[in-house]
Structure formats: structure tokens, C-alpha cells
Amino acid sequence: MAYQVQVPLSGIAGWRYLERTQEAQKATFENDALMQREIAYFKENIGKVETAEDLIGDYRLLEFALTAYGLEDDTYKKALVRTVLEGGTDDEDSLANRITVNGYKEMAEDFGFGNETGVQTATEGFADKIISAFKERKFETAVSEEKDYLGTVMAFERSIDMLTGAEAAAEGDEEAKAKSWYTVLGDEDLRTFFEGAFGLPSQFVNLDIDQQARMMERKAEQFLGDGSLSALEDEANVDKLITRFLAFQQIEEGWNNPQGPGANALKILQGNHSSASYGIINLLYGIDE
């Protein structure tokens, strides 16, 4: 039986507990016999893969690789995976560069099937990199199975470098900079995290995508003092967002009575203009058309 992640507390307290015990729990989790077999198989066989077709043809290798990039739900989309990988990333018009699902571009670049560099599967360090990412994703999934919102926080933490990197790449290009919020909106975990941290209502998803991006930027400006994703370079801002996200989770779990643990969550959110339940009219107010 696979090791089950232990998080006996909820909300902010649960996150702090996971932070304290994560290293030990990960070590136990990664020593699971089934995981070790999958890692051994990947390490032994990935260097033999020379084409995208080779990868597609081995279900265990394909599933392992896709999981490492957060794409495990696309294992059955073999035609899409092959097209993305074979097209590479050298051509700015390639599918890997145009697809909105996070993970594909990085995978196509790392494997190199369609790039001038050529296939990278047998190069030094390649297998170890994929294995490390696989372990991270599997542990994240195990945490989500215990408490889904903690898995969402882990996904956010894992993505910080990617998000700030996207912002840096857009430096000096205001249009590209504004569009960097679309990276958040295009990723289910990141969208969930930021919507929760900003206290956005469920109706938010009904807005035009451009309005959603502008609202994200405005909320970042309101709570972090900077409407761009570069605000995440400050660890204090990262912790602030995580705390807000978890505080809202406590409230949604019904902890919001004056004597209950949710009272602390409410105090964290006191004084802010956002609320977990404000309406779509307030959300739309002030957004430029």
C-alpha cells in the first residue's frame, strides 16, 4: 500500500504542519516500492528513445514523462503529444509555442525531438531531471488527495520561477507584460490559487478573458503593491498570498464562527476590500472595456 501523506490539521495550520514535515514525508513517499519500480524502468529505458514515436509507443515511459510536466491527464492524447514534440520549439509558430496548456513547451524543449539540438534523452542529467520533476508532481498529487487546497499551494510555489521568468521575458514590452497573467488563467491550479487568494467570486470565470487578466493585475496591485507577476520575487508577497488563500479556505470549510479557528482567518482578511462572497457587479465595477 502506497504511503499516504499525513496532514492532521486544516487551513493555515495544516500548511505549516506540511512545511515542517514535508522533507521526511517525501522521503518515505519516494521509497514506495511501486514508485521505485517506475523510476527504475524510466531510467533504464528513456535513453533508448530516439523519436517522439518511440516515446508514444511505450505507455510507461509516456505516462512517466507526461506526469513530470503535469500532463498526466493527456496520456491518451497521443496524436497531440507527438505533434507537439516533433514540432519542437525552435520555430516560433510551432504548436509547442502556441498551445496554451502549460508544460508542453517545456517538454518539447527538453526532449529536443524537433529542435536543431536533436534528441536529448540520452544526454547526461536528462533522466535525473525528469525523475526529479516526476517525484515532485507525484508527491503534490498525494498531498492533493489528502487536502486538495494544499496541493494547489504547492503547485503555486513550484510555478513561481516560471511566472517571474515569464514576467522578466516580457520586460519592456507592455503588451506582453499584460499578457503574462494569461499564463495564470490558462493553468487550472494557478487560476484556483489566485482566485482564492484574491477572494474572487465564482462568477469571475464568466468574464471576458481580457477582463479577467486586468482584474488579476488590479488585485495584485491592491494586495501586493505591484500589478505584475514580478511581485512574486518578494518572499513576503508569496507568503501573503498563501496565507490569504488558506484563510479563505478555512472560511469556506465553515470555520467562520466567532469562537472557532476561522476567527483568525477572518482577522487576516479584515480591512481588505475583497470578500469571498462579493457580487459580480462589484467585480466588474471600474474595469475598462
Protein backbone atom coordinates (compact mmCIF):
# COMPACT_ATOMS: atom_id res chain seq x y z
CA MET A 1 0.00 0.00 0.00
CA ALA A 2 1.39 3.38 -1.00
CA TYR A 3 2.32 5.84 1.71
CA GLN A 4 -0.48 8.30 2.48
CA VAL A 5 0.58 11.85 3.22
CA GLN A 6 -0.36 12.95 6.74
CA VAL A 7 -1.88 16.39 7.33
CA PRO A 8 -3.91 16.22 10.56
CA LEU A 9 -4.69 19.97 10.60
CA SER A 10 -6.60 22.21 8.21
CA GLY A 11 -6.11 25.61 6.64
CA ILE A 12 -3.08 27.67 7.61
CA ALA A 13 -2.16 25.31 10.45
CA GLY A 14 -2.24 22.37 8.03
CA TRP A 15 0.12 24.15 5.63
CA ARG A 16 2.58 24.98 8.42
CA TYR A 17 2.48 21.33 9.54
CA LEU A 18 3.18 20.15 6.00
CA GLU A 19 6.08 22.59 5.70
CA ARG A 20 7.64 21.18 8.88
CA THR A 21 7.20 17.53 7.92
CA GLN A 22 7.47 17.68 4.13
CA GLU A 23 11.09 16.55 3.83
CA ALA A 24 10.56 13.44 5.95
CA GLN A 25 7.21 12.61 4.36
CA LYS A 26 8.62 13.00 0.85
CA ALA A 27 11.49 10.63 1.65
CA THR A 28 9.04 7.98 2.85
CA PHE A 29 6.73 8.58 -0.10
CA GLU A 30 9.51 8.26 -2.67
CA ASN A 31 10.69 4.96 -1.17
CA ASP A 32 7.39 3.32 -2.07
CA ALA A 33 8.08 0.07 -3.98
CA LEU A 34 5.81 0.90 -6.93
CA MET A 35 7.36 4.33 -7.38
CA GLN A 36 10.84 2.88 -7.25
CA ARG A 37 9.93 0.36 -9.97
CA GLU A 38 8.59 3.11 -12.23
CA ILE A 39 11.69 5.24 -11.67
CA ALA A 40 13.99 2.31 -12.40
CA TYR A 41 12.11 1.48 -15.62
CA PHE A 42 12.27 5.07 -16.82
CA LYS A 43 15.95 5.43 -16.02
CA GLU A 44 16.81 2.19 -17.79
CA ASN A 45 14.81 2.83 -20.96
CA ILE A 46 14.50 6.55 -21.65
CA GLY A 47 17.97 6.74 -23.20
CA LYS A 48 16.84 4.32 -25.90
CA VAL A 49 14.10 6.70 -27.05
CA GLU A 50 15.22 8.43 -30.25
CA THR A 51 11.94 9.76 -31.66
CA ALA A 52 8.60 11.03 -30.43
CA GLU A 53 7.08 7.87 -31.87
CA ASP A 54 9.35 5.77 -29.65
CA LEU A 55 8.08 7.62 -26.59
CA ILE A 56 4.44 7.36 -27.67
CA GLY A 57 4.90 3.63 -28.24
CA ASP A 58 5.88 2.91 -24.64
CA TYR A 59 2.95 3.68 -22.35
CA ARG A 60 5.00 3.51 -19.13
CA LEU A 61 7.62 5.94 -20.42
CA LEU A 62 4.97 8.24 -21.87
CA GLU A 63 2.91 8.35 -18.69
CA PHE A 64 6.03 8.95 -16.58
CA ALA A 65 7.23 11.79 -18.80
CA LEU A 66 3.84 13.48 -19.06
CA THR A 67 3.41 13.27 -15.28
CA ALA A 68 6.73 15.07 -14.81
CA TYR A 69 5.31 18.02 -16.76
CA GLY A 70 1.87 17.95 -15.16
CA LEU A 71 0.30 16.48 -18.29
CA GLU A 72 -0.66 13.04 -16.99
CA ASP A 73 -4.31 13.58 -17.97
CA ASP A 74 -3.20 13.80 -21.62
CA THR A 75 -1.70 10.31 -21.82
CA TYR A 76 -4.47 9.24 -24.20
CA LYS A 77 -3.88 12.26 -26.49
CA LYS A 78 -1.07 10.56 -28.36
CA ALA A 79 -1.54 12.45 -31.63
CA LEU A 80 -1.35 15.80 -29.85
CA VAL A 81 1.71 14.79 -27.83
CA ARG A 82 3.51 13.53 -30.95
CA THR A 83 2.73 16.69 -32.91
CA VAL A 84 3.94 18.97 -30.11
CA LEU A 85 7.16 17.03 -29.56
CA GLU A 86 8.02 16.60 -33.23
CA GLY A 87 7.45 20.29 -33.91
CA GLY A 88 9.94 21.35 -31.24
CA THR A 89 10.31 24.93 -30.05
CA ASP A 90 12.84 26.48 -32.46
CA ASP A 91 10.06 27.70 -34.75
CA GLU A 92 8.02 30.39 -33.00
CA ASP A 93 4.95 29.20 -34.92
CA SER A 94 5.29 25.59 -33.73
CA LEU A 95 2.42 24.07 -31.78
CA ALA A 96 4.57 23.89 -28.63
CA ASN A 97 4.95 27.66 -28.72
CA ARG A 98 1.27 28.28 -29.40
CA ILE A 99 -0.51 25.79 -27.17
CA THR A 100 -1.96 27.33 -24.03
CA VAL A 101 -1.59 24.26 -21.81
CA ASN A 102 1.38 24.77 -19.51
CA GLY A 103 4.01 22.03 -19.66
CA TYR A 104 4.04 21.18 -23.34
CA LYS A 105 6.52 23.84 -24.40
CA GLU A 106 8.97 22.89 -21.66
CA MET A 107 8.64 19.21 -22.52
CA ALA A 108 9.21 19.80 -26.24
CA GLU A 109 12.26 21.92 -25.49
CA ASP A 110 13.73 19.40 -23.03
CA PHE A 111 13.26 16.35 -25.25
CA GLY A 112 14.51 18.19 -28.35
CA PHE A 113 12.98 15.90 -30.97
CA GLY A 114 12.07 18.76 -33.30
CA ASN A 115 14.90 21.14 -32.43
CA GLU A 116 18.27 21.78 -34.01
CA THR A 117 19.94 20.39 -30.89
CA GLY A 118 18.41 16.99 -31.60
CA VAL A 119 17.04 14.41 -29.20
CA GLN A 120 18.29 14.85 -25.62
CA THR A 121 17.03 11.66 -23.97
CA ALA A 122 20.47 10.05 -23.69
CA THR A 123 22.34 13.16 -22.58
CA GLU A 124 23.86 13.39 -19.12
CA GLY A 125 21.43 14.57 -16.48
CA PHE A 126 18.32 14.28 -18.65
CA ALA A 127 16.81 11.25 -16.89
CA ASP A 128 17.59 12.68 -13.45
CA LYS A 129 15.84 15.95 -14.30
CA ILE A 130 12.66 14.19 -15.41
CA ILE A 131 12.74 11.84 -12.43
CA SER A 132 13.07 14.76 -10.02
CA ALA A 133 10.08 16.50 -11.61
CA PHE A 134 8.11 13.24 -11.55
CA LYS A 135 8.71 12.84 -7.81
CA GLU A 136 7.62 16.41 -7.14
CA ARG A 137 4.41 16.02 -9.14
CA LYS A 138 3.51 12.67 -7.56
CA PHE A 139 4.01 14.00 -4.04
CA GLU A 140 1.97 17.07 -4.92
CA THR A 141 -0.82 14.79 -6.13
CA ALA A 142 -0.64 12.76 -2.91
CA VAL A 143 -0.97 15.96 -0.87
CA SER A 144 -3.95 17.00 -3.01
CA GLU A 145 -5.64 13.68 -2.31
CA GLU A 146 -5.33 14.40 1.41
CA LYS A 147 -6.29 18.10 1.19
CA ASP A 148 -6.73 19.43 -2.32
CA TYR A 149 -6.10 23.08 -1.46
CA LEU A 150 -2.67 22.28 -0.03
CA GLY A 151 -1.77 20.67 -3.35
CA THR A 152 -2.86 23.90 -5.01
CA VAL A 153 -0.48 25.87 -2.79
CA MET A 154 2.35 23.50 -3.70
CA ALA A 155 1.57 23.98 -7.40
CA PHE A 156 1.77 27.74 -6.90
CA GLU A 157 5.13 27.51 -5.11
CA ARG A 158 6.50 25.24 -7.83
CA SER A 159 5.44 27.72 -10.52
CA ILE A 160 6.93 30.90 -9.04
CA ASP A 161 10.17 30.75 -11.03
CA MET A 162 8.22 30.12 -14.22
CA LEU A 163 5.87 33.02 -13.54
CA THR A 164 8.58 35.52 -12.66
CA GLY A 165 10.61 34.27 -15.62
CA ALA A 166 7.69 34.96 -17.95
CA GLU A 167 7.49 38.43 -16.48
CA ALA A 168 11.21 39.06 -16.99
CA ALA A 169 10.98 37.90 -20.59
CA ALA A 170 8.27 40.47 -21.15
CA GLU A 171 10.25 43.35 -19.62
CA GLY A 172 9.97 46.46 -21.76
CA ASP A 173 7.06 45.04 -23.72
CA GLU A 174 3.89 46.34 -22.05
CA GLU A 175 1.59 44.23 -24.21
CA ALA A 176 3.49 41.04 -23.45
CA LYS A 177 3.74 42.03 -19.79
CA ALA A 178 -0.02 42.37 -19.52
CA LYS A 179 -0.48 39.02 -21.22
CA SER A 180 1.72 37.26 -18.65
CA TRP A 181 -1.38 36.96 -16.45
CA TYR A 182 -2.82 34.70 -19.15
CA THR A 183 -0.28 32.11 -18.03
CA VAL A 184 -2.07 32.07 -14.69
CA LEU A 185 -5.53 31.98 -16.24
CA GLY A 186 -4.55 29.08 -18.51
CA ASP A 187 -3.45 26.81 -15.67
CA GLU A 188 -6.14 25.22 -13.50
CA ASP A 189 -4.08 25.13 -10.30
CA LEU A 190 -2.70 28.65 -10.68
CA ARG A 191 -6.11 30.05 -11.56
CA THR A 192 -7.61 28.38 -8.49
CA PHE A 193 -4.86 29.72 -6.27
CA PHE A 194 -5.03 33.34 -7.41
CA GLU A 195 -8.82 33.41 -7.50
CA GLY A 196 -8.80 32.13 -3.93
CA ALA A 197 -6.05 34.44 -2.68
CA PHE A 198 -7.75 37.47 -4.22
CA GLY A 199 -11.16 36.44 -2.89
CA LEU A 200 -12.76 36.43 -6.32
CA PRO A 201 -16.32 35.08 -6.62
CA SER A 202 -17.31 32.05 -8.68
CA GLN A 203 -18.81 34.37 -11.33
CA PHE A 204 -15.32 35.60 -12.16
CA VAL A 205 -14.87 32.86 -14.77
CA ASN A 206 -17.85 34.26 -16.70
CA LEU A 207 -15.95 37.44 -17.53
CA ASP A 208 -14.22 38.00 -20.83
CA ILE A 209 -10.67 36.62 -20.61
CA ASP A 210 -9.18 40.08 -21.11
CA GLN A 211 -11.25 41.41 -18.22
CA GLN A 212 -10.09 38.50 -16.08
CA ALA A 213 -6.46 39.35 -16.81
CA ARG A 214 -7.00 43.01 -15.96
CA MET A 215 -8.76 42.10 -12.73
CA MET A 216 -5.87 39.83 -11.72
CA GLU A 217 -3.47 42.68 -12.37
CA ARG A 218 -5.58 45.10 -10.32
CA LYS A 219 -5.90 42.69 -7.41
CA ALA A 220 -2.14 42.13 -7.40
CA GLU A 221 -1.67 45.90 -7.29
CA GLN A 222 -4.16 46.15 -4.44
CA PHE A 223 -2.71 43.42 -2.24
CA LEU A 224 0.95 43.36 -3.25
CA GLY A 225 1.56 46.92 -4.37
CA ASP A 226 2.59 45.68 -7.82
CA GLY A 227 0.27 44.53 -10.56
CA SER A 228 2.89 42.40 -12.27
CA LEU A 229 4.00 38.86 -11.54
CA SER A 230 7.45 40.17 -10.65
CA ALA A 231 5.90 40.90 -7.24
CA LEU A 232 6.41 37.18 -6.56
CA GLU A 233 10.16 37.73 -6.38
CA ASP A 234 9.49 39.08 -2.87
CA GLU A 235 9.08 36.16 -0.45
CA ALA A 236 6.88 38.33 1.78
CA ASN A 237 4.39 38.69 -1.07
CA VAL A 238 4.43 34.95 -1.70
CA ASP A 239 3.71 34.24 1.96
CA LYS A 240 0.97 36.89 1.98
CA LEU A 241 -0.81 35.26 -0.94
CA ILE A 242 -0.52 31.77 0.55
CA THR A 243 -1.87 32.99 3.88
CA ARG A 244 -4.81 34.73 2.20
CA PHE A 245 -5.61 31.68 0.08
CA LEU A 246 -5.60 29.39 3.11
CA ALA A 247 -7.59 31.86 5.20
CA PHE A 248 -10.36 31.83 2.60
CA GLN A 249 -10.23 28.03 2.61
CA GLN A 250 -10.82 27.98 6.35
CA ILE A 251 -13.85 30.21 5.93
CA GLU A 252 -15.24 28.03 3.14
CA GLU A 253 -14.83 24.98 5.38
CA GLY A 254 -17.30 26.57 7.77
CA TRP A 255 -14.83 27.70 10.40
CA ASN A 256 -16.19 31.24 10.46
CA ASN A 257 -17.91 31.29 13.83
CA PRO A 258 -16.52 33.80 16.38
CA GLN A 259 -15.24 31.09 18.71
CA GLY A 260 -13.88 28.77 16.03
CA PRO A 261 -10.49 28.61 14.28
CA GLY A 262 -11.96 30.55 11.38
CA ALA A 263 -11.99 33.69 13.52
CA ASN A 264 -8.24 34.03 12.94
CA ALA A 265 -8.78 33.62 9.21
CA LEU A 266 -11.32 36.41 9.24
CA LYS A 267 -8.89 38.69 11.07
CA ILE A 268 -6.30 38.12 8.35
CA LEU A 269 -8.77 39.31 5.76
CA GLN A 270 -10.12 42.22 7.81
CA GLY A 271 -9.69 45.64 6.33
CA ASN A 272 -9.36 44.39 2.73
CA HIS A 273 -11.94 45.42 0.20
CA SER A 274 -12.34 41.95 -1.24
CA SER A 275 -14.69 39.36 0.20
CA ALA A 276 -15.20 35.70 -0.60
CA SER A 277 -18.79 36.47 -1.48
CA TYR A 278 -18.94 39.90 -3.13
CA GLY A 279 -21.02 40.01 -6.30
CA ILE A 280 -20.23 40.13 -9.97
CA ILE A 281 -21.39 43.78 -10.18
CA ASN A 282 -18.66 44.84 -7.74
CA LEU A 283 -16.17 42.72 -9.64
CA LEU A 284 -16.99 44.47 -12.90
CA TYR A 285 -17.03 47.95 -11.41
CA GLY A 286 -14.17 50.02 -12.69
CA ILE A 287 -12.87 47.52 -15.26
CA ASP A 288 -12.17 49.24 -18.54
CA GLU A 289 -13.97 47.82 -21.52
